[in-house]
């Protein structure tokens, strides 16, 4: 699509800025160094969590791309952390920071590949959790930021418009139910998207 100088001249200032920003950065999410623990690194082709961030008109977008292949789920309790079931490594997929995430008002969880089972019994009900400290596989994360309340499948998106995220929370994937029995995932890919806004200033 081509927009001429005349087209731009008839637009109001706000609309012109949005279009200018979009054309200047059509892929405005850029990969940044992620904050993740060794317990979140699986064995899939997308083996480690990858973080992408961008800003548009004060809205801050953070996406964490996660492949859960090779990660385990214990089945002890809702909210328990999904991660490597050996080594005792912390399994956070990211860490909230208000300077880069903004004031988060929405979290989206998008399933790109339906989770599959490699060994034992797994769960398809996976939540996004927050916790004040680093914890490993089967540790109890205390804050549910997004509850899927259903099984994930390819193309499914789950949304939380009341995430109540806490500054400096470590972010985890957690079990949404107790259906697992020391299962290990054979596949499963997600995008976890955090949408926030910078604090307004005079």
N, C-alpha and C. Protein backbone atom coordinates (compact mmCIF):
# COMPACT_ATOMS: atom_id res chain seq x y z
N UNK A 1 0.85 -1.19 0.00
CA UNK A 1 0.00 0.00 0.00
C UNK A 1 0.88 1.24 0.00
N UNK A 2 0.51 2.25 -0.82
CA UNK A 2 1.27 3.49 -0.89
C UNK A 2 0.39 4.64 -0.44
N UNK A 3 0.94 5.48 0.42
CA UNK A 3 0.22 6.67 0.87
C UNK A 3 1.02 7.89 0.41
N UNK A 4 0.38 8.79 -0.30
CA UNK A 4 1.06 9.96 -0.84
C UNK A 4 1.21 11.04 0.21
N UNK A 5 2.02 12.04 -0.09
CA UNK A 5 2.18 13.18 0.82
C UNK A 5 0.86 13.91 0.99
N UNK A 6 0.05 13.96 -0.09
CA UNK A 6 -1.26 14.60 0.02
C UNK A 6 -2.16 13.84 0.98
N UNK A 7 -2.14 12.51 0.88
CA UNK A 7 -2.94 11.70 1.80
C UNK A 7 -2.56 12.00 3.24
N UNK A 8 -1.27 12.07 3.50
CA UNK A 8 -0.79 12.32 4.86
C UNK A 8 -1.18 13.72 5.33
N UNK A 9 -1.20 14.67 4.40
CA UNK A 9 -1.45 16.06 4.79
C UNK A 9 -2.87 16.29 5.29
N UNK A 10 -3.82 15.44 4.88
CA UNK A 10 -5.21 15.63 5.29
C UNK A 10 -5.56 14.89 6.57
N UNK A 11 -4.60 14.14 7.10
CA UNK A 11 -4.86 13.39 8.33
C UNK A 11 -4.62 14.27 9.54
N UNK A 12 -5.36 13.98 10.62
CA UNK A 12 -5.10 14.69 11.86
C UNK A 12 -3.78 14.22 12.44
N UNK A 13 -3.25 14.98 13.38
CA UNK A 13 -1.91 14.74 13.91
C UNK A 13 -1.77 13.36 14.54
N UNK A 14 -2.77 12.94 15.31
CA UNK A 14 -2.69 11.66 16.01
C UNK A 14 -2.67 10.50 15.02
N UNK A 15 -3.57 10.54 14.03
CA UNK A 15 -3.62 9.46 13.04
C UNK A 15 -2.34 9.41 12.23
N UNK A 16 -1.82 10.59 11.88
CA UNK A 16 -0.58 10.66 11.12
C UNK A 16 0.56 10.01 11.89
N UNK A 17 0.60 10.26 13.21
CA UNK A 17 1.68 9.68 14.02
C UNK A 17 1.57 8.15 14.07
N UNK A 18 0.35 7.63 14.22
CA UNK A 18 0.16 6.18 14.25
C UNK A 18 0.65 5.56 12.95
N UNK A 19 0.25 6.14 11.81
CA UNK A 19 0.66 5.59 10.51
C UNK A 19 2.17 5.70 10.32
N UNK A 20 2.73 6.82 10.71
CA UNK A 20 4.18 7.00 10.57
C UNK A 20 4.93 5.97 11.39
N UNK A 21 4.46 5.74 12.62
CA UNK A 21 5.11 4.74 13.48
C UNK A 21 5.01 3.35 12.87
N UNK A 22 3.83 3.02 12.34
CA UNK A 22 3.63 1.68 11.78
C UNK A 22 4.50 1.46 10.55
N UNK A 23 4.57 2.47 9.67
CA UNK A 23 5.37 2.31 8.46
C UNK A 23 6.86 2.31 8.78
N UNK A 24 7.24 3.05 9.81
CA UNK A 24 8.65 3.08 10.19
C UNK A 24 9.08 1.76 10.80
N UNK A 25 8.16 1.10 11.52
CA UNK A 25 8.48 -0.17 12.18
C UNK A 25 7.38 -1.19 11.92
N UNK A 26 7.28 -1.70 10.70
CA UNK A 26 6.20 -2.65 10.38
C UNK A 26 6.28 -3.91 11.23
N UNK A 27 7.48 -4.31 11.63
CA UNK A 27 7.65 -5.42 12.57
C UNK A 27 8.25 -4.83 13.84
N UNK A 28 7.42 -4.12 14.60
CA UNK A 28 7.98 -3.30 15.66
C UNK A 28 8.40 -4.09 16.89
N UNK A 29 8.06 -5.37 16.95
CA UNK A 29 8.54 -6.18 18.05
C UNK A 29 9.94 -6.70 17.73
N UNK A 30 10.88 -6.37 18.57
CA UNK A 30 12.26 -6.78 18.36
C UNK A 30 12.69 -7.72 19.48
N UNK A 31 13.49 -8.71 19.13
CA UNK A 31 13.96 -9.65 20.15
C UNK A 31 14.92 -8.95 21.11
N UNK A 32 14.72 -9.19 22.39
CA UNK A 32 15.56 -8.60 23.43
C UNK A 32 16.08 -9.73 24.32
N UNK A 33 17.14 -9.47 25.09
CA UNK A 33 17.62 -10.51 26.01
C UNK A 33 16.52 -10.91 26.98
N UNK A 34 16.27 -12.19 27.08
CA UNK A 34 15.20 -12.67 27.96
C UNK A 34 15.68 -12.92 29.37
N UNK A 35 14.73 -12.98 30.29
CA UNK A 35 15.01 -13.35 31.68
C UNK A 35 14.32 -14.68 31.92
N UNK A 36 15.07 -15.76 31.83
CA UNK A 36 14.47 -17.08 32.02
C UNK A 36 15.45 -17.98 32.74
N UNK A 37 14.89 -18.96 33.43
CA UNK A 37 15.71 -19.89 34.18
C UNK A 37 16.05 -21.13 33.36
N UNK A 38 17.09 -21.84 33.80
CA UNK A 38 17.50 -23.05 33.11
C UNK A 38 16.43 -24.11 33.12
N UNK A 39 15.52 -24.06 34.10
CA UNK A 39 14.45 -25.03 34.18
C UNK A 39 13.34 -24.79 33.17
N UNK A 40 13.42 -23.68 32.40
CA UNK A 40 12.42 -23.40 31.37
C UNK A 40 12.93 -23.73 29.98
N UNK A 41 14.14 -24.26 29.89
CA UNK A 41 14.73 -24.59 28.60
C UNK A 41 14.40 -26.04 28.27
N UNK A 42 13.57 -26.22 27.26
CA UNK A 42 13.15 -27.56 26.88
C UNK A 42 14.05 -28.18 25.83
N UNK A 43 13.50 -29.12 25.09
CA UNK A 43 14.28 -29.85 24.10
C UNK A 43 13.73 -29.68 22.69
N UNK A 44 12.74 -28.81 22.52
CA UNK A 44 12.14 -28.60 21.21
C UNK A 44 13.00 -27.73 20.32
N UNK A 45 12.53 -27.51 19.08
CA UNK A 45 13.27 -26.69 18.13
C UNK A 45 13.36 -25.24 18.60
N UNK A 46 12.35 -24.81 19.33
CA UNK A 46 12.31 -23.46 19.93
C UNK A 46 12.64 -23.66 21.41
N UNK A 47 13.86 -24.12 21.70
CA UNK A 47 14.15 -24.75 22.97
C UNK A 47 14.18 -23.82 24.17
N UNK A 48 14.48 -22.53 23.98
CA UNK A 48 14.51 -21.62 25.12
C UNK A 48 13.48 -20.52 24.93
N UNK A 49 12.90 -19.99 26.01
CA UNK A 49 11.95 -18.89 25.87
C UNK A 49 12.62 -17.69 25.18
N UNK A 50 11.90 -17.07 24.25
CA UNK A 50 12.42 -15.90 23.54
C UNK A 50 11.49 -14.72 23.78
N UNK A 51 12.08 -13.57 24.07
CA UNK A 51 11.32 -12.39 24.44
C UNK A 51 11.42 -11.33 23.35
N UNK A 52 10.27 -10.74 22.99
CA UNK A 52 10.21 -9.68 22.00
C UNK A 52 9.45 -8.50 22.61
N UNK A 53 9.93 -7.29 22.35
CA UNK A 53 9.28 -6.11 22.92
C UNK A 53 9.20 -4.98 21.90
N UNK A 54 8.19 -4.14 22.08
CA UNK A 54 8.03 -2.97 21.23
C UNK A 54 7.08 -1.99 21.88
N UNK A 55 7.01 -0.78 21.33
CA UNK A 55 6.15 0.27 21.88
C UNK A 55 5.44 0.97 20.75
N UNK A 56 4.16 1.26 20.95
CA UNK A 56 3.39 2.01 19.98
C UNK A 56 2.46 2.95 20.73
N UNK A 57 2.71 4.25 20.59
CA UNK A 57 1.87 5.27 21.23
C UNK A 57 1.71 5.05 22.73
N UNK A 58 2.81 4.71 23.38
CA UNK A 58 2.78 4.53 24.84
C UNK A 58 2.38 3.16 25.29
N UNK A 59 1.83 2.34 24.37
CA UNK A 59 1.49 0.97 24.72
C UNK A 59 2.73 0.09 24.56
N UNK A 60 3.06 -0.65 25.60
CA UNK A 60 4.23 -1.51 25.60
C UNK A 60 3.78 -2.95 25.42
N UNK A 61 4.34 -3.61 24.43
CA UNK A 61 3.99 -5.00 24.12
C UNK A 61 5.20 -5.88 24.42
N UNK A 62 4.99 -6.90 25.21
CA UNK A 62 6.03 -7.90 25.47
C UNK A 62 5.47 -9.26 25.12
N UNK A 63 6.18 -9.98 24.25
CA UNK A 63 5.80 -11.34 23.91
C UNK A 63 6.89 -12.31 24.34
N UNK A 64 6.48 -13.38 24.99
CA UNK A 64 7.40 -14.46 25.33
C UNK A 64 6.96 -15.70 24.56
N UNK A 65 7.83 -16.21 23.71
CA UNK A 65 7.54 -17.40 22.92
C UNK A 65 8.14 -18.61 23.62
N UNK A 66 7.31 -19.61 23.89
CA UNK A 66 7.73 -20.74 24.71
C UNK A 66 7.41 -22.05 24.00
N UNK A 67 8.37 -22.95 24.00
CA UNK A 67 8.19 -24.33 23.53
C UNK A 67 8.34 -25.23 24.76
N UNK A 68 7.28 -25.97 25.12
CA UNK A 68 7.31 -26.76 26.35
C UNK A 68 7.77 -28.20 26.13
N UNK A 69 8.22 -28.51 24.92
CA UNK A 69 8.73 -29.86 24.65
C UNK A 69 9.85 -30.20 25.63
N UNK A 70 9.72 -31.33 26.30
CA UNK A 70 10.73 -31.77 27.25
C UNK A 70 10.52 -31.26 28.67
N UNK A 71 9.55 -30.38 28.88
CA UNK A 71 9.27 -29.89 30.23
C UNK A 71 8.24 -30.79 30.91
N UNK A 72 8.25 -30.78 32.24
CA UNK A 72 7.40 -31.69 32.99
C UNK A 72 6.33 -31.01 33.80
N UNK A 73 5.29 -31.78 34.14
CA UNK A 73 4.20 -31.33 35.00
C UNK A 73 3.91 -32.44 36.01
N UNK A 74 3.84 -32.08 37.28
CA UNK A 74 3.77 -33.09 38.35
C UNK A 74 2.34 -33.52 38.68
N UNK A 75 1.41 -32.56 38.73
CA UNK A 75 0.03 -32.89 39.06
C UNK A 75 -0.33 -32.75 40.52
N UNK A 76 0.55 -32.09 41.29
CA UNK A 76 0.29 -31.97 42.73
C UNK A 76 -0.82 -30.97 43.04
N UNK A 77 -0.75 -29.78 42.41
CA UNK A 77 -1.73 -28.73 42.72
C UNK A 77 -1.78 -27.73 41.58
N UNK A 78 -2.93 -27.03 41.47
CA UNK A 78 -3.05 -25.95 40.51
C UNK A 78 -2.00 -24.89 40.82
N UNK A 79 -1.36 -24.38 39.77
CA UNK A 79 -0.37 -23.33 39.95
C UNK A 79 1.05 -23.83 40.08
N UNK A 80 1.22 -25.13 40.25
CA UNK A 80 2.58 -25.65 40.34
C UNK A 80 3.31 -25.46 39.01
N UNK A 81 4.58 -25.15 39.11
CA UNK A 81 5.37 -24.72 37.96
C UNK A 81 5.68 -25.88 37.01
N UNK A 82 5.53 -25.60 35.72
CA UNK A 82 5.94 -26.52 34.65
C UNK A 82 7.39 -26.20 34.30
N UNK A 83 8.24 -27.23 34.26
CA UNK A 83 9.65 -27.01 33.95
C UNK A 83 10.39 -28.33 33.86
N UNK A 84 11.70 -28.25 33.71
CA UNK A 84 12.52 -29.47 33.68
C UNK A 84 12.33 -30.23 34.98
N UNK A 85 12.10 -31.54 34.89
CA UNK A 85 11.83 -32.32 36.10
C UNK A 85 13.10 -32.88 36.75
N UNK A 86 14.25 -32.43 36.28
CA UNK A 86 15.52 -32.82 36.90
C UNK A 86 16.39 -31.58 37.05
N UNK A 87 17.29 -31.62 38.00
CA UNK A 87 18.27 -30.55 38.15
C UNK A 87 17.91 -29.46 39.13
N UNK A 88 16.63 -29.32 39.46
CA UNK A 88 16.22 -28.31 40.43
C UNK A 88 16.44 -26.88 39.98
N UNK A 89 16.43 -26.65 38.66
CA UNK A 89 16.70 -25.31 38.13
C UNK A 89 15.44 -24.46 38.13
N UNK A 90 15.59 -23.17 38.41
CA UNK A 90 14.47 -22.25 38.37
C UNK A 90 13.87 -22.21 36.98
N UNK A 91 12.52 -22.19 36.89
CA UNK A 91 11.84 -22.38 35.61
C UNK A 91 11.04 -21.16 35.16
N UNK A 92 11.43 -19.96 35.59
CA UNK A 92 10.71 -18.77 35.12
C UNK A 92 10.94 -18.57 33.63
N UNK A 93 9.91 -18.07 32.94
CA UNK A 93 10.01 -17.77 31.50
C UNK A 93 10.28 -16.29 31.27
N UNK A 94 10.20 -15.48 32.31
CA UNK A 94 10.44 -14.05 32.21
C UNK A 94 10.31 -13.40 33.57
N UNK A 95 10.50 -12.08 33.58
CA UNK A 95 10.32 -11.33 34.82
C UNK A 95 9.75 -9.96 34.50
N UNK A 96 8.69 -9.62 35.18
CA UNK A 96 8.03 -8.34 34.96
C UNK A 96 8.90 -7.19 35.45
N UNK A 97 8.92 -6.13 34.65
CA UNK A 97 9.58 -4.88 35.05
C UNK A 97 8.74 -3.75 34.49
N UNK A 98 8.31 -2.83 35.35
CA UNK A 98 7.36 -1.80 34.92
C UNK A 98 7.95 -0.88 33.87
N UNK A 99 9.28 -0.74 33.83
CA UNK A 99 9.91 0.14 32.85
C UNK A 99 9.80 -0.42 31.44
N UNK A 100 9.77 -1.74 31.31
CA UNK A 100 9.69 -2.36 29.98
C UNK A 100 8.33 -2.98 29.68
N UNK A 101 7.63 -3.45 30.71
CA UNK A 101 6.30 -4.04 30.52
C UNK A 101 5.20 -2.99 30.65
N UNK A 102 5.50 -1.89 31.35
CA UNK A 102 4.49 -0.89 31.63
C UNK A 102 3.52 -1.37 32.70
N UNK A 103 2.43 -0.65 32.84
CA UNK A 103 1.35 -1.06 33.75
C UNK A 103 0.49 -2.06 32.97
N UNK A 104 0.65 -3.32 33.28
CA UNK A 104 0.03 -4.38 32.48
C UNK A 104 -1.47 -4.44 32.74
N UNK A 105 -2.25 -4.31 31.66
CA UNK A 105 -3.71 -4.38 31.80
C UNK A 105 -4.33 -5.55 31.05
N UNK A 106 -3.49 -6.29 30.32
CA UNK A 106 -4.04 -7.42 29.56
C UNK A 106 -2.93 -8.45 29.31
N UNK A 107 -3.27 -9.72 29.46
CA UNK A 107 -2.37 -10.81 29.10
C UNK A 107 -3.12 -11.74 28.16
N UNK A 108 -2.45 -12.13 27.08
CA UNK A 108 -3.01 -13.07 26.12
C UNK A 108 -2.11 -14.30 26.04
N UNK A 109 -2.72 -15.46 25.97
CA UNK A 109 -1.98 -16.71 25.82
C UNK A 109 -2.49 -17.39 24.56
N UNK A 110 -1.60 -17.55 23.58
CA UNK A 110 -1.98 -18.07 22.27
C UNK A 110 -1.28 -19.40 22.06
N UNK A 111 -2.05 -20.42 21.74
CA UNK A 111 -1.48 -21.75 21.51
C UNK A 111 -1.16 -21.92 20.03
N UNK A 112 0.12 -22.11 19.72
CA UNK A 112 0.57 -22.31 18.35
C UNK A 112 0.72 -23.78 18.00
N UNK A 113 0.83 -24.63 19.02
CA UNK A 113 0.95 -26.07 18.81
C UNK A 113 0.32 -26.77 20.01
N UNK A 114 -0.63 -27.63 19.77
CA UNK A 114 -1.30 -28.33 20.86
C UNK A 114 -0.30 -29.15 21.66
N UNK A 115 -0.29 -29.01 22.99
CA UNK A 115 0.62 -29.84 23.79
C UNK A 115 0.36 -31.33 23.59
N UNK A 116 1.43 -32.08 23.54
CA UNK A 116 1.33 -33.53 23.41
C UNK A 116 2.11 -34.19 24.53
N UNK A 117 1.88 -35.48 24.69
CA UNK A 117 2.45 -36.24 25.80
C UNK A 117 3.63 -37.08 25.32
N UNK A 118 4.75 -36.97 26.04
CA UNK A 118 5.90 -37.83 25.74
C UNK A 118 5.93 -39.03 26.68
N UNK A 119 5.79 -38.76 27.97
CA UNK A 119 5.77 -39.84 28.96
C UNK A 119 4.76 -39.54 30.05
N UNK A 120 4.31 -40.59 30.72
CA UNK A 120 3.37 -40.51 31.86
C UNK A 120 2.12 -39.73 31.46
N UNK A 121 1.52 -39.00 32.41
CA UNK A 121 0.27 -38.29 32.16
C UNK A 121 0.49 -36.79 32.30
N UNK A 122 0.00 -36.03 31.32
CA UNK A 122 0.21 -34.59 31.31
C UNK A 122 -1.13 -33.88 31.49
N UNK A 123 -1.08 -32.53 31.43
CA UNK A 123 -2.31 -31.74 31.44
C UNK A 123 -2.28 -30.76 30.27
N UNK A 124 -3.46 -30.52 29.69
CA UNK A 124 -3.61 -29.53 28.63
C UNK A 124 -4.08 -28.18 29.18
N UNK A 125 -4.35 -28.15 30.48
CA UNK A 125 -4.82 -26.93 31.15
C UNK A 125 -3.60 -26.24 31.76
N UNK A 126 -3.14 -25.18 31.10
CA UNK A 126 -1.92 -24.50 31.50
C UNK A 126 -2.21 -23.03 31.74
N UNK A 127 -1.76 -22.50 32.87
CA UNK A 127 -1.99 -21.12 33.26
C UNK A 127 -0.69 -20.31 33.22
N UNK A 128 -0.84 -18.99 33.29
CA UNK A 128 0.31 -18.09 33.47
C UNK A 128 0.32 -17.65 34.92
N UNK A 129 1.44 -17.86 35.58
CA UNK A 129 1.55 -17.62 37.01
C UNK A 129 2.62 -16.56 37.30
N UNK A 130 2.49 -15.93 38.46
CA UNK A 130 3.50 -15.00 38.95
C UNK A 130 3.92 -15.38 40.35
N UNK A 131 5.16 -15.07 40.69
CA UNK A 131 5.66 -15.37 42.03
C UNK A 131 6.80 -14.41 42.34
N UNK A 132 6.97 -14.10 43.62
CA UNK A 132 7.95 -13.10 44.03
C UNK A 132 9.39 -13.59 43.93
N UNK A 133 9.59 -14.89 43.84
CA UNK A 133 10.96 -15.42 43.81
C UNK A 133 11.09 -16.51 42.76
N UNK A 134 12.30 -16.96 42.56
CA UNK A 134 12.57 -18.02 41.60
C UNK A 134 12.21 -19.38 42.20
N UNK A 135 11.50 -20.18 41.41
CA UNK A 135 11.13 -21.51 41.86
C UNK A 135 11.29 -22.50 40.69
N UNK A 136 11.44 -23.75 41.03
CA UNK A 136 11.71 -24.79 40.04
C UNK A 136 10.45 -25.62 39.78
N UNK A 137 10.59 -26.60 38.92
CA UNK A 137 9.54 -27.57 38.60
C UNK A 137 8.81 -28.04 39.85
N UNK A 138 7.49 -28.02 39.79
CA UNK A 138 6.60 -28.48 40.86
C UNK A 138 6.57 -27.54 42.05
N UNK A 139 7.29 -26.41 41.99
CA UNK A 139 7.16 -25.42 43.05
C UNK A 139 5.84 -24.69 42.93
N UNK A 140 5.36 -24.14 44.03
CA UNK A 140 4.04 -23.51 44.05
C UNK A 140 4.15 -22.02 43.76
N UNK A 141 3.68 -21.60 42.59
CA UNK A 141 3.57 -20.18 42.26
C UNK A 141 2.28 -19.64 42.87
N UNK A 142 2.34 -18.47 43.46
CA UNK A 142 1.23 -18.01 44.30
C UNK A 142 0.17 -17.17 43.59
N UNK A 143 0.51 -16.55 42.46
CA UNK A 143 -0.44 -15.65 41.81
C UNK A 143 -0.83 -16.18 40.42
N UNK A 144 -2.12 -16.36 40.21
CA UNK A 144 -2.61 -16.76 38.87
C UNK A 144 -2.87 -15.48 38.08
N UNK A 145 -2.06 -15.24 37.06
CA UNK A 145 -2.20 -14.04 36.23
C UNK A 145 -3.16 -14.26 35.08
N UNK A 146 -3.21 -15.49 34.58
CA UNK A 146 -4.15 -15.87 33.53
C UNK A 146 -4.52 -17.32 33.73
N UNK A 147 -5.80 -17.57 33.95
CA UNK A 147 -6.30 -18.93 34.12
C UNK A 147 -6.96 -19.38 32.83
N UNK A 148 -6.46 -20.44 32.23
CA UNK A 148 -7.02 -20.90 30.96
C UNK A 148 -8.41 -21.51 31.16
N UNK A 149 -8.60 -22.19 32.29
CA UNK A 149 -9.90 -22.79 32.64
C UNK A 149 -10.40 -23.75 31.58
N UNK A 150 -9.50 -24.23 30.72
CA UNK A 150 -9.88 -25.18 29.67
C UNK A 150 -8.61 -25.72 29.04
N UNK A 151 -8.76 -26.77 28.27
CA UNK A 151 -7.61 -27.35 27.58
C UNK A 151 -7.16 -26.47 26.41
N UNK A 152 -5.85 -26.35 26.25
CA UNK A 152 -5.31 -25.60 25.12
C UNK A 152 -5.30 -26.47 23.87
N UNK A 153 -5.51 -25.83 22.73
CA UNK A 153 -5.41 -26.48 21.43
C UNK A 153 -4.94 -25.44 20.43
N UNK A 154 -4.36 -25.89 19.35
CA UNK A 154 -3.79 -24.98 18.36
C UNK A 154 -4.81 -23.94 17.92
N UNK A 155 -4.40 -22.67 17.93
CA UNK A 155 -5.28 -21.57 17.53
C UNK A 155 -6.10 -20.97 18.65
N UNK A 156 -6.09 -21.60 19.83
CA UNK A 156 -6.90 -21.09 20.95
C UNK A 156 -6.17 -19.93 21.63
N UNK A 157 -6.91 -18.86 21.92
CA UNK A 157 -6.36 -17.74 22.67
C UNK A 157 -7.16 -17.55 23.95
N UNK A 158 -6.45 -17.41 25.05
CA UNK A 158 -7.06 -17.14 26.35
C UNK A 158 -6.61 -15.76 26.80
N UNK A 159 -7.52 -15.00 27.42
CA UNK A 159 -7.24 -13.61 27.75
C UNK A 159 -7.55 -13.34 29.22
N UNK A 160 -6.72 -12.53 29.84
CA UNK A 160 -7.01 -11.99 31.17
C UNK A 160 -6.93 -10.47 31.09
N UNK A 161 -8.04 -9.82 31.40
CA UNK A 161 -8.06 -8.35 31.44
C UNK A 161 -7.92 -7.82 32.86
N UNK A 162 -7.68 -8.71 33.82
CA UNK A 162 -7.46 -8.31 35.21
C UNK A 162 -6.26 -9.09 35.76
N UNK A 163 -5.08 -8.90 35.18
CA UNK A 163 -3.94 -9.75 35.55
C UNK A 163 -3.37 -9.49 36.94
N UNK A 164 -3.54 -8.27 37.46
CA UNK A 164 -3.04 -7.94 38.81
C UNK A 164 -1.60 -8.38 39.01
N UNK A 165 -0.78 -8.08 38.02
CA UNK A 165 0.63 -8.46 38.09
C UNK A 165 1.36 -7.58 39.09
N UNK A 166 2.31 -8.14 39.78
CA UNK A 166 3.06 -7.43 40.81
C UNK A 166 4.45 -7.08 40.28
N UNK A 167 4.91 -5.88 40.57
CA UNK A 167 6.22 -5.44 40.13
C UNK A 167 7.30 -6.45 40.49
N UNK A 168 8.13 -6.77 39.52
CA UNK A 168 9.25 -7.70 39.67
C UNK A 168 8.83 -9.16 39.82
N UNK A 169 7.57 -9.46 39.55
CA UNK A 169 7.15 -10.87 39.55
C UNK A 169 7.99 -11.69 38.58
N UNK A 170 8.39 -12.87 39.00
CA UNK A 170 8.90 -13.86 38.07
C UNK A 170 7.69 -14.53 37.42
N UNK A 171 7.79 -14.84 36.14
CA UNK A 171 6.67 -15.34 35.37
C UNK A 171 6.87 -16.81 35.03
N UNK A 172 5.80 -17.59 35.16
CA UNK A 172 5.89 -19.05 34.97
C UNK A 172 4.70 -19.56 34.18
N UNK A 173 4.89 -20.73 33.59
CA UNK A 173 3.76 -21.54 33.16
C UNK A 173 3.46 -22.49 34.29
N UNK A 174 2.16 -22.58 34.63
CA UNK A 174 1.78 -23.43 35.75
C UNK A 174 0.64 -24.36 35.37
N UNK A 175 0.51 -25.42 36.12
CA UNK A 175 -0.57 -26.38 35.88
C UNK A 175 -1.92 -25.77 36.25
N UNK A 176 -2.88 -25.92 35.33
CA UNK A 176 -4.20 -25.36 35.58
C UNK A 176 -5.11 -26.28 36.35
N UNK A 177 -4.70 -27.55 36.50
CA UNK A 177 -5.48 -28.52 37.26
C UNK A 177 -4.53 -29.56 37.83
N UNK A 178 -5.06 -30.64 38.36
CA UNK A 178 -4.23 -31.69 38.96
C UNK A 178 -4.29 -32.97 38.13
N UNK A 179 -4.54 -32.82 36.84
CA UNK A 179 -4.72 -33.99 35.99
C UNK A 179 -3.44 -34.71 35.61
N UNK A 180 -2.29 -34.06 35.82
CA UNK A 180 -1.03 -34.68 35.41
C UNK A 180 -0.53 -35.68 36.45
N UNK A 181 0.32 -36.60 36.01
CA UNK A 181 1.02 -37.51 36.92
C UNK A 181 2.45 -37.65 36.41
N UNK A 182 3.30 -36.74 36.88
CA UNK A 182 4.71 -36.68 36.48
C UNK A 182 4.89 -36.83 34.98
N UNK A 183 4.09 -36.12 34.22
CA UNK A 183 4.16 -36.18 32.77
C UNK A 183 5.26 -35.30 32.20
N UNK A 184 5.71 -35.64 31.00
CA UNK A 184 6.66 -34.83 30.25
C UNK A 184 6.02 -34.54 28.89
N UNK A 185 6.11 -33.28 28.46
CA UNK A 185 5.49 -32.88 27.20
C UNK A 185 6.35 -33.29 26.00
N UNK A 186 5.67 -33.78 24.97
CA UNK A 186 6.34 -34.12 23.72
C UNK A 186 6.23 -33.02 22.69
N UNK A 187 5.47 -31.98 23.00
CA UNK A 187 5.29 -30.85 22.09
C UNK A 187 4.41 -29.81 22.76
N UNK A 188 4.28 -28.66 22.13
CA UNK A 188 3.45 -27.59 22.66
C UNK A 188 4.16 -26.25 22.58
N UNK A 189 3.57 -25.29 21.86
CA UNK A 189 4.17 -23.97 21.72
C UNK A 189 3.14 -22.88 22.01
N UNK A 190 3.61 -21.82 22.68
CA UNK A 190 2.73 -20.73 23.09
C UNK A 190 3.41 -19.38 22.88
N UNK A 191 2.57 -18.37 22.66
CA UNK A 191 2.99 -16.98 22.79
C UNK A 191 2.24 -16.42 24.00
N UNK A 192 2.99 -15.86 24.94
CA UNK A 192 2.40 -15.17 26.08
C UNK A 192 2.62 -13.68 25.84
N UNK A 193 1.54 -12.93 25.67
CA UNK A 193 1.64 -11.51 25.31
C UNK A 193 1.16 -10.64 26.46
N UNK A 194 2.01 -9.73 26.91
CA UNK A 194 1.68 -8.77 27.96
C UNK A 194 1.51 -7.40 27.32
N UNK A 195 0.38 -6.77 27.59
CA UNK A 195 0.09 -5.44 27.04
C UNK A 195 -0.03 -4.47 28.21
N UNK A 196 0.80 -3.44 28.18
CA UNK A 196 0.80 -2.45 29.25
C UNK A 196 0.91 -1.05 28.69
N UNK A 197 0.96 -0.08 29.58
CA UNK A 197 1.08 1.32 29.16
C UNK A 197 1.98 2.03 30.15
N UNK A 198 2.75 2.95 29.63
CA UNK A 198 3.57 3.76 30.51
C UNK A 198 2.68 4.63 31.41
N UNK A 199 3.16 4.93 32.60
CA UNK A 199 2.43 5.83 33.48
C UNK A 199 2.34 7.20 32.82
N UNK A 200 1.20 7.84 32.94
CA UNK A 200 1.00 9.16 32.33
C UNK A 200 1.74 10.23 33.13
N UNK A 201 2.37 11.13 32.41
CA UNK A 201 3.08 12.23 33.06
C UNK A 201 2.64 13.55 32.47
N UNK A 202 2.81 14.61 33.22
CA UNK A 202 2.38 15.94 32.76
C UNK A 202 3.26 16.41 31.60
